[in-house]
Amino acid sequence: MLEILRFFLLSTDPAFIVPEVADEFGVTDATARTRMNKMVEEGYLKKKKTGSRSVLYWPTDEGLRHYVSEASIE
């Protein structure tokens, strides 16, 4: 989860779709979608459907706080 948050937070792009995250981490779209939807449930990401099949994901303030607190422990 921290790796995904890091990817979002260090990027100049404000949001991503599932295939972009899947490609970045070398996983299937289904795996990336499952992980990202869990992060939505936990409040670390938000999502919005933008078309018939496209969904954008972006980090929340809570996601940023979680990343900063956990990354400082590592």
PDB file of N, CA and C in Angstrom:
ATOM      1  N   MET A   1       0.817  -1.189   0.000  1.00  0.00           N
ATOM      2  CA  MET A   1       0.000   0.000   0.000  1.00  0.00           C
ATOM      3  C   MET A   1       0.864   1.258   0.000  1.00  0.00           C
ATOM      4  N   LEU A   2       1.926   1.270   0.791  1.00  0.00           N
ATOM      5  CA  LEU A   2       2.794   2.447   0.822  1.00  0.00           C
ATOM      6  C   LEU A   2       3.425   2.705  -0.538  1.00  0.00           C
ATOM      7  N   GLU A   3       3.744   1.628  -1.269  1.00  0.00           N
ATOM      8  CA  GLU A   3       4.348   1.806  -2.583  1.00  0.00           C
ATOM      9  C   GLU A   3       3.386   2.522  -3.526  1.00  0.00           C
ATOM     10  N   ILE A   4       2.114   2.158  -3.447  1.00  0.00           N
ATOM     11  CA  ILE A   4       1.121   2.802  -4.305  1.00  0.00           C
ATOM     12  C   ILE A   4       0.952   4.263  -3.907  1.00  0.00           C
ATOM     13  N   LEU A   5       0.870   4.530  -2.615  1.00  0.00           N
ATOM     14  CA  LEU A   5       0.769   5.924  -2.168  1.00  0.00           C
ATOM     15  C   LEU A   5       1.987   6.722  -2.611  1.00  0.00           C
ATOM     16  N   ARG A   6       3.177   6.147  -2.473  1.00  0.00           N
ATOM     17  CA  ARG A   6       4.400   6.833  -2.897  1.00  0.00           C
ATOM     18  C   ARG A   6       4.326   7.169  -4.387  1.00  0.00           C
ATOM     19  N   PHE A   7       3.894   6.205  -5.192  1.00  0.00           N
ATOM     20  CA  PHE A   7       3.758   6.421  -6.633  1.00  0.00           C
ATOM     21  C   PHE A   7       2.836   7.602  -6.924  1.00  0.00           C
ATOM     22  N   PHE A   8       1.682   7.640  -6.271  1.00  0.00           N
ATOM     23  CA  PHE A   8       0.738   8.738  -6.467  1.00  0.00           C
ATOM     24  C   PHE A   8       1.329  10.069  -6.011  1.00  0.00           C
ATOM     25  N   LEU A   9       1.916  10.071  -4.835  1.00  0.00           N
ATOM     26  CA  LEU A   9       2.355  11.328  -4.226  1.00  0.00           C
ATOM     27  C   LEU A   9       3.601  11.916  -4.873  1.00  0.00           C
ATOM     28  N   LEU A  10       4.446  11.089  -5.451  1.00  0.00           N
ATOM     29  CA  LEU A  10       5.659  11.600  -6.082  1.00  0.00           C
ATOM     30  C   LEU A  10       5.459  11.968  -7.551  1.00  0.00           C
ATOM     31  N   SER A  11       4.316  11.638  -8.093  1.00  0.00           N
ATOM     32  CA  SER A  11       4.038  11.927  -9.496  1.00  0.00           C
ATOM     33  C   SER A  11       3.549  13.365  -9.681  1.00  0.00           C
ATOM     34  N   THR A  12       3.788  13.890 -10.860  1.00  0.00           N
ATOM     35  CA  THR A  12       3.231  15.200 -11.200  1.00  0.00           C
ATOM     36  C   THR A  12       1.797  15.075 -11.704  1.00  0.00           C
ATOM     37  N   ASP A  13       1.353  13.850 -11.990  1.00  0.00           N
ATOM     38  CA  ASP A  13      -0.034  13.627 -12.405  1.00  0.00           C
ATOM     39  C   ASP A  13      -0.937  13.621 -11.175  1.00  0.00           C
ATOM     40  N   PRO A  14      -2.110  14.238 -11.260  1.00  0.00           N
ATOM     41  CA  PRO A  14      -2.994  14.298 -10.092  1.00  0.00           C
ATOM     42  C   PRO A  14      -3.787  13.018  -9.844  1.00  0.00           C
ATOM     43  N   ALA A  15      -3.945  12.177 -10.874  1.00  0.00           N
ATOM     44  CA  ALA A  15      -4.766  10.973 -10.739  1.00  0.00           C
ATOM     45  C   ALA A  15      -4.298   9.930 -11.749  1.00  0.00           C
ATOM     46  N   PHE A  16      -4.690   8.682 -11.476  1.00  0.00           N
ATOM     47  CA  PHE A  16      -4.295   7.573 -12.344  1.00  0.00           C
ATOM     48  C   PHE A  16      -5.459   6.630 -12.564  1.00  0.00           C
ATOM     49  N   ILE A  17      -5.372   5.881 -13.681  1.00  0.00           N
ATOM     50  CA  ILE A  17      -6.312   4.803 -13.940  1.00  0.00           C
ATOM     51  C   ILE A  17      -5.620   3.482 -13.601  1.00  0.00           C
ATOM     52  N   VAL A  18      -6.411   2.449 -13.430  1.00  0.00           N
ATOM     53  CA  VAL A  18      -5.896   1.143 -13.004  1.00  0.00           C
ATOM     54  C   VAL A  18      -4.747   0.632 -13.875  1.00  0.00           C
ATOM     55  N   PRO A  19      -4.853   0.644 -15.209  1.00  0.00           N
ATOM     56  CA  PRO A  19      -3.750   0.100 -16.011  1.00  0.00           C
ATOM     57  C   PRO A  19      -2.414   0.805 -15.787  1.00  0.00           C
ATOM     58  N   GLU A  20      -2.436   2.094 -15.492  1.00  0.00           N
ATOM     59  CA  GLU A  20      -1.184   2.813 -15.235  1.00  0.00           C
ATOM     60  C   GLU A  20      -0.507   2.294 -13.970  1.00  0.00           C
ATOM     61  N   VAL A  21      -1.299   2.064 -12.939  1.00  0.00           N
ATOM     62  CA  VAL A  21      -0.751   1.550 -11.681  1.00  0.00           C
ATOM     63  C   VAL A  21      -0.306   0.101 -11.864  1.00  0.00           C
ATOM     64  N   ALA A  22      -1.102  -0.686 -12.566  1.00  0.00           N
ATOM     65  CA  ALA A  22      -0.739  -2.082 -12.828  1.00  0.00           C
ATOM     66  C   ALA A  22       0.593  -2.161 -13.572  1.00  0.00           C
ATOM     67  N   ASP A  23       0.766  -1.331 -14.590  1.00  0.00           N
ATOM     68  CA  ASP A  23       2.020  -1.320 -15.353  1.00  0.00           C
ATOM     69  C   ASP A  23       3.200  -0.919 -14.477  1.00  0.00           C
ATOM     70  N   GLU A  24       3.005   0.084 -13.649  1.00  0.00           N
ATOM     71  CA  GLU A  24       4.089   0.569 -12.781  1.00  0.00           C
ATOM     72  C   GLU A  24       4.596  -0.523 -11.845  1.00  0.00           C
ATOM     73  N   PHE A  25       3.680  -1.358 -11.345  1.00  0.00           N
ATOM     74  CA  PHE A  25       4.053  -2.367 -10.357  1.00  0.00           C
ATOM     75  C   PHE A  25       4.142  -3.781 -10.917  1.00  0.00           C
ATOM     76  N   GLY A  26       3.926  -3.932 -12.214  1.00  0.00           N
ATOM     77  CA  GLY A  26       4.063  -5.244 -12.836  1.00  0.00           C
ATOM     78  C   GLY A  26       3.048  -6.256 -12.352  1.00  0.00           C
ATOM     79  N   VAL A  27       1.819  -5.791 -12.133  1.00  0.00           N
ATOM     80  CA  VAL A  27       0.740  -6.680 -11.695  1.00  0.00           C
ATOM     81  C   VAL A  27      -0.399  -6.586 -12.704  1.00  0.00           C
ATOM     82  N   THR A  28      -1.363  -7.470 -12.575  1.00  0.00           N
ATOM     83  CA  THR A  28      -2.525  -7.427 -13.462  1.00  0.00           C
ATOM     84  C   THR A  28      -3.420  -6.249 -13.088  1.00  0.00           C
ATOM     85  N   ASP A  29      -4.271  -5.867 -14.023  1.00  0.00           N
ATOM     86  CA  ASP A  29      -5.251  -4.819 -13.732  1.00  0.00           C
ATOM     87  C   ASP A  29      -6.136  -5.223 -12.555  1.00  0.00           C
ATOM     88  N   ALA A  30      -6.519  -6.497 -12.511  1.00  0.00           N
ATOM     89  CA  ALA A  30      -7.390  -6.967 -11.429  1.00  0.00           C
ATOM     90  C   ALA A  30      -6.719  -6.811 -10.069  1.00  0.00           C
ATOM     91  N   THR A  31      -5.439  -7.142  -9.987  1.00  0.00           N
ATOM     92  CA  THR A  31      -4.703  -6.997  -8.725  1.00  0.00           C
ATOM     93  C   THR A  31      -4.609  -5.534  -8.328  1.00  0.00           C
ATOM     94  N   ALA A  32      -4.256  -4.679  -9.279  1.00  0.00           N
ATOM     95  CA  ALA A  32      -4.153  -3.244  -8.985  1.00  0.00           C
ATOM     96  C   ALA A  32      -5.507  -2.693  -8.549  1.00  0.00           C
ATOM     97  N   ARG A  33      -6.570  -3.070  -9.248  1.00  0.00           N
ATOM     98  CA  ARG A  33      -7.915  -2.589  -8.912  1.00  0.00           C
ATOM     99  C   ARG A  33      -8.307  -3.024  -7.504  1.00  0.00           C
ATOM    100  N   THR A  34      -8.038  -4.267  -7.165  1.00  0.00           N
ATOM    101  CA  THR A  34      -8.371  -4.764  -5.827  1.00  0.00           C
ATOM    102  C   THR A  34      -7.637  -3.971  -4.756  1.00  0.00           C
ATOM    103  N   ARG A  35      -6.345  -3.766  -4.950  1.00  0.00           N
ATOM    104  CA  ARG A  35      -5.552  -3.013  -3.967  1.00  0.00           C
ATOM    105  C   ARG A  35      -6.028  -1.572  -3.852  1.00  0.00           C
ATOM    106  N   MET A  36      -6.291  -0.952  -4.998  1.00  0.00           N
ATOM    107  CA  MET A  36      -6.713   0.448  -4.985  1.00  0.00           C
ATOM    108  C   MET A  36      -8.108   0.604  -4.378  1.00  0.00           C
ATOM    109  N   ASN A  37      -9.014  -0.323  -4.655  1.00  0.00           N
ATOM    110  CA  ASN A  37     -10.347  -0.242  -4.056  1.00  0.00           C
ATOM    111  C   ASN A  37     -10.289  -0.439  -2.545  1.00  0.00           C
ATOM    112  N   LYS A  38      -9.376  -1.283  -2.080  1.00  0.00           N
ATOM    113  CA  LYS A  38      -9.185  -1.435  -0.631  1.00  0.00           C
ATOM    114  C   LYS A  38      -8.687  -0.119  -0.035  1.00  0.00           C
ATOM    115  N   MET A  39      -7.810   0.563  -0.752  1.00  0.00           N
ATOM    116  CA  MET A  39      -7.301   1.850  -0.280  1.00  0.00           C
ATOM    117  C   MET A  39      -8.408   2.906  -0.270  1.00  0.00           C
ATOM    118  N   VAL A  40      -9.361   2.804  -1.199  1.00  0.00           N
ATOM    119  CA  VAL A  40     -10.528   3.693  -1.182  1.00  0.00           C
ATOM    120  C   VAL A  40     -11.343   3.410   0.077  1.00  0.00           C
ATOM    121  N   GLU A  41     -11.592   2.131   0.365  1.00  0.00           N
ATOM    122  CA  GLU A  41     -12.348   1.750   1.561  1.00  0.00           C
ATOM    123  C   GLU A  41     -11.676   2.246   2.836  1.00  0.00           C
ATOM    124  N   GLU A  42     -10.347   2.246   2.847  1.00  0.00           N
ATOM    125  CA  GLU A  42      -9.595   2.685   4.025  1.00  0.00           C
ATOM    126  C   GLU A  42      -9.440   4.203   4.092  1.00  0.00           C
ATOM    127  N   GLY A  43      -9.887   4.898   3.042  1.00  0.00           N
ATOM    128  CA  GLY A  43      -9.840   6.354   3.037  1.00  0.00           C
ATOM    129  C   GLY A  43      -8.555   6.959   2.514  1.00  0.00           C
ATOM    130  N   TYR A  44      -7.669   6.141   1.929  1.00  0.00           N
ATOM    131  CA  TYR A  44      -6.384   6.645   1.444  1.00  0.00           C
ATOM    132  C   TYR A  44      -6.435   7.134  -0.001  1.00  0.00           C
ATOM    133  N   LEU A  45      -7.401   6.636  -0.773  1.00  0.00           N
ATOM    134  CA  LEU A  45      -7.614   7.089  -2.147  1.00  0.00           C
ATOM    135  C   LEU A  45      -9.085   7.430  -2.324  1.00  0.00           C
ATOM    136  N   LYS A  46      -9.363   8.270  -3.315  1.00  0.00           N
ATOM    137  CA  LYS A  46     -10.730   8.525  -3.771  1.00  0.00           C
ATOM    138  C   LYS A  46     -10.790   8.054  -5.209  1.00  0.00           C
ATOM    139  N   LYS A  47     -12.014   7.813  -5.688  1.00  0.00           N
ATOM    140  CA  LYS A  47     -12.160   7.409  -7.079  1.00  0.00           C
ATOM    141  C   LYS A  47     -13.404   8.042  -7.677  1.00  0.00           C
ATOM    142  N   LYS A  48     -13.359   8.186  -9.007  1.00  0.00           N
ATOM    143  CA  LYS A  48     -14.495   8.737  -9.736  1.00  0.00           C
ATOM    144  C   LYS A  48     -14.565   8.069 -11.096  1.00  0.00           C
ATOM    145  N   LYS A  49     -15.743   7.580 -11.429  1.00  0.00           N
ATOM    146  CA  LYS A  49     -15.960   6.980 -12.744  1.00  0.00           C
ATOM    147  C   LYS A  49     -16.065   8.113 -13.758  1.00  0.00           C
ATOM    148  N   THR A  50     -15.253   8.044 -14.809  1.00  0.00           N
ATOM    149  CA  THR A  50     -15.205   9.132 -15.783  1.00  0.00           C
ATOM    150  C   THR A  50     -15.757   8.742 -17.147  1.00  0.00           C
ATOM    151  N   GLY A  51     -16.100   7.500 -17.308  1.00  0.00           N
ATOM    152  CA  GLY A  51     -16.637   7.016 -18.578  1.00  0.00           C
ATOM    153  C   GLY A  51     -17.296   5.681 -18.349  1.00  0.00           C
ATOM    154  N   SER A  52     -17.612   5.001 -19.421  1.00  0.00           N
ATOM    155  CA  SER A  52     -18.292   3.720 -19.269  1.00  0.00           C
ATOM    156  C   SER A  52     -17.432   2.695 -18.540  1.00  0.00           C
ATOM    157  N   ARG A  53     -16.098   2.812 -18.687  1.00  0.00           N
ATOM    158  CA  ARG A  53     -15.214   1.845 -18.025  1.00  0.00           C
ATOM    159  C   ARG A  53     -14.057   2.495 -17.285  1.00  0.00           C
ATOM    160  N   SER A  54     -13.843   3.774 -17.466  1.00  0.00           N
ATOM    161  CA  SER A  54     -12.683   4.446 -16.870  1.00  0.00           C
ATOM    162  C   SER A  54     -12.996   4.970 -15.474  1.00  0.00           C
ATOM    163  N   VAL A  55     -12.060   4.710 -14.567  1.00  0.00           N
ATOM    164  CA  VAL A  55     -12.170   5.202 -13.195  1.00  0.00           C
ATOM    165  C   VAL A  55     -10.845   5.855 -12.837  1.00  0.00           C
ATOM    166  N   LEU A  56     -10.912   7.082 -12.355  1.00  0.00           N
ATOM    167  CA  LEU A  56      -9.723   7.792 -11.888  1.00  0.00           C
ATOM    168  C   LEU A  56      -9.577   7.611 -10.389  1.00  0.00           C
ATOM    169  N   TYR A  57      -8.348   7.454  -9.935  1.00  0.00           N
ATOM    170  CA  TYR A  57      -8.032   7.345  -8.509  1.00  0.00           C
ATOM    171  C   TYR A  57      -7.029   8.434  -8.159  1.00  0.00           C
ATOM    172  N   TRP A  58      -7.159   9.014  -6.961  1.00  0.00           N
ATOM    173  CA  TRP A  58      -6.197  10.009  -6.486  1.00  0.00           C
ATOM    174  C   TRP A  58      -6.104   9.925  -4.967  1.00  0.00           C
ATOM    175  N   PRO A  59      -4.977  10.364  -4.400  1.00  0.00           N
ATOM    176  CA  PRO A  59      -4.780  10.262  -2.954  1.00  0.00           C
ATOM    177  C   PRO A  59      -5.602  11.303  -2.196  1.00  0.00           C
ATOM    178  N   THR A  60      -6.046  10.913  -1.020  1.00  0.00           N
ATOM    179  CA  THR A  60      -6.765  11.821  -0.126  1.00  0.00           C
ATOM    180  C   THR A  60      -5.778  12.460   0.848  1.00  0.00           C
ATOM    181  N   ASP A  61      -6.251  13.438   1.589  1.00  0.00           N
ATOM    182  CA  ASP A  61      -5.421  14.019   2.646  1.00  0.00           C
ATOM    183  C   ASP A  61      -5.051  12.950   3.671  1.00  0.00           C
ATOM    184  N   GLU A  62      -5.991  12.056   3.969  1.00  0.00           N
ATOM    185  CA  GLU A  62      -5.716  10.961   4.902  1.00  0.00           C
ATOM    186  C   GLU A  62      -4.632  10.046   4.342  1.00  0.00           C
ATOM    187  N   GLY A  63      -4.664   9.794   3.046  1.00  0.00           N
ATOM    188  CA  GLY A  63      -3.624   8.988   2.408  1.00  0.00           C
ATOM    189  C   GLY A  63      -2.261   9.636   2.535  1.00  0.00           C
ATOM    190  N   LEU A  64      -2.202  10.941   2.345  1.00  0.00           N
ATOM    191  CA  LEU A  64      -0.946  11.677   2.501  1.00  0.00           C
ATOM    192  C   LEU A  64      -0.442  11.582   3.940  1.00  0.00           C
ATOM    193  N   ARG A  65      -1.335  11.796   4.903  1.00  0.00           N
ATOM    194  CA  ARG A  65      -0.933  11.705   6.319  1.00  0.00           C
ATOM    195  C   ARG A  65      -0.440  10.301   6.658  1.00  0.00           C
ATOM    196  N   HIS A  66      -1.146   9.294   6.164  1.00  0.00           N
ATOM    197  CA  HIS A  66      -0.747   7.911   6.430  1.00  0.00           C
ATOM    198  C   HIS A  66       0.633   7.635   5.836  1.00  0.00           C
ATOM    199  N   TYR A  67       0.849   8.072   4.607  1.00  0.00           N
ATOM    200  CA  TYR A  67       2.145   7.846   3.967  1.00  0.00           C
ATOM    201  C   TYR A  67       3.261   8.518   4.759  1.00  0.00           C
ATOM    202  N   VAL A  68       3.069   9.773   5.135  1.00  0.00           N
ATOM    203  CA  VAL A  68       4.097  10.513   5.871  1.00  0.00           C
ATOM    204  C   VAL A  68       4.389   9.832   7.203  1.00  0.00           C
ATOM    205  N   SER A  69       3.355   9.411   7.914  1.00  0.00           N
ATOM    206  CA  SER A  69       3.580   8.780   9.224  1.00  0.00           C
ATOM    207  C   SER A  69       4.254   7.420   9.086  1.00  0.00           C
ATOM    208  N   GLU A  70       3.869   6.628   8.093  1.00  0.00           N
ATOM    209  CA  GLU A  70       4.456   5.299   7.912  1.00  0.00           C
ATOM    210  C   GLU A  70       5.849   5.374   7.289  1.00  0.00           C
ATOM    211  N   ALA A  71       6.040   6.279   6.346  1.00  0.00           N
ATOM    212  CA  ALA A  71       7.340   6.406   5.683  1.00  0.00           C
ATOM    213  C   ALA A  71       8.402   6.888   6.657  1.00  0.00           C
ATOM    214  N   SER A  72       8.008   7.674   7.640  1.00  0.00           N
ATOM    215  CA  SER A  72       8.986   8.167   8.616  1.00  0.00           C
ATOM    216  C   SER A  72       9.450   7.052   9.549  1.00  0.00           C
ATOM    217  N   ILE A  73       8.661   5.990   9.655  1.00  0.00           N
ATOM    218  CA  ILE A  73       9.028   4.841  10.497  1.00  0.00           C
ATOM    219  C   ILE A  73      10.060   3.974   9.780  1.00  0.00           C
ATOM    220  N   GLU A  74       9.951   3.889   8.453  1.00  0.00           N
ATOM    221  CA  GLU A  74      10.844   3.013   7.670  1.00  0.00           C
ATOM    222  C   GLU A  74      12.243   3.488   7.688  1.00  0.00           C
TER     223      GLU A  74
END
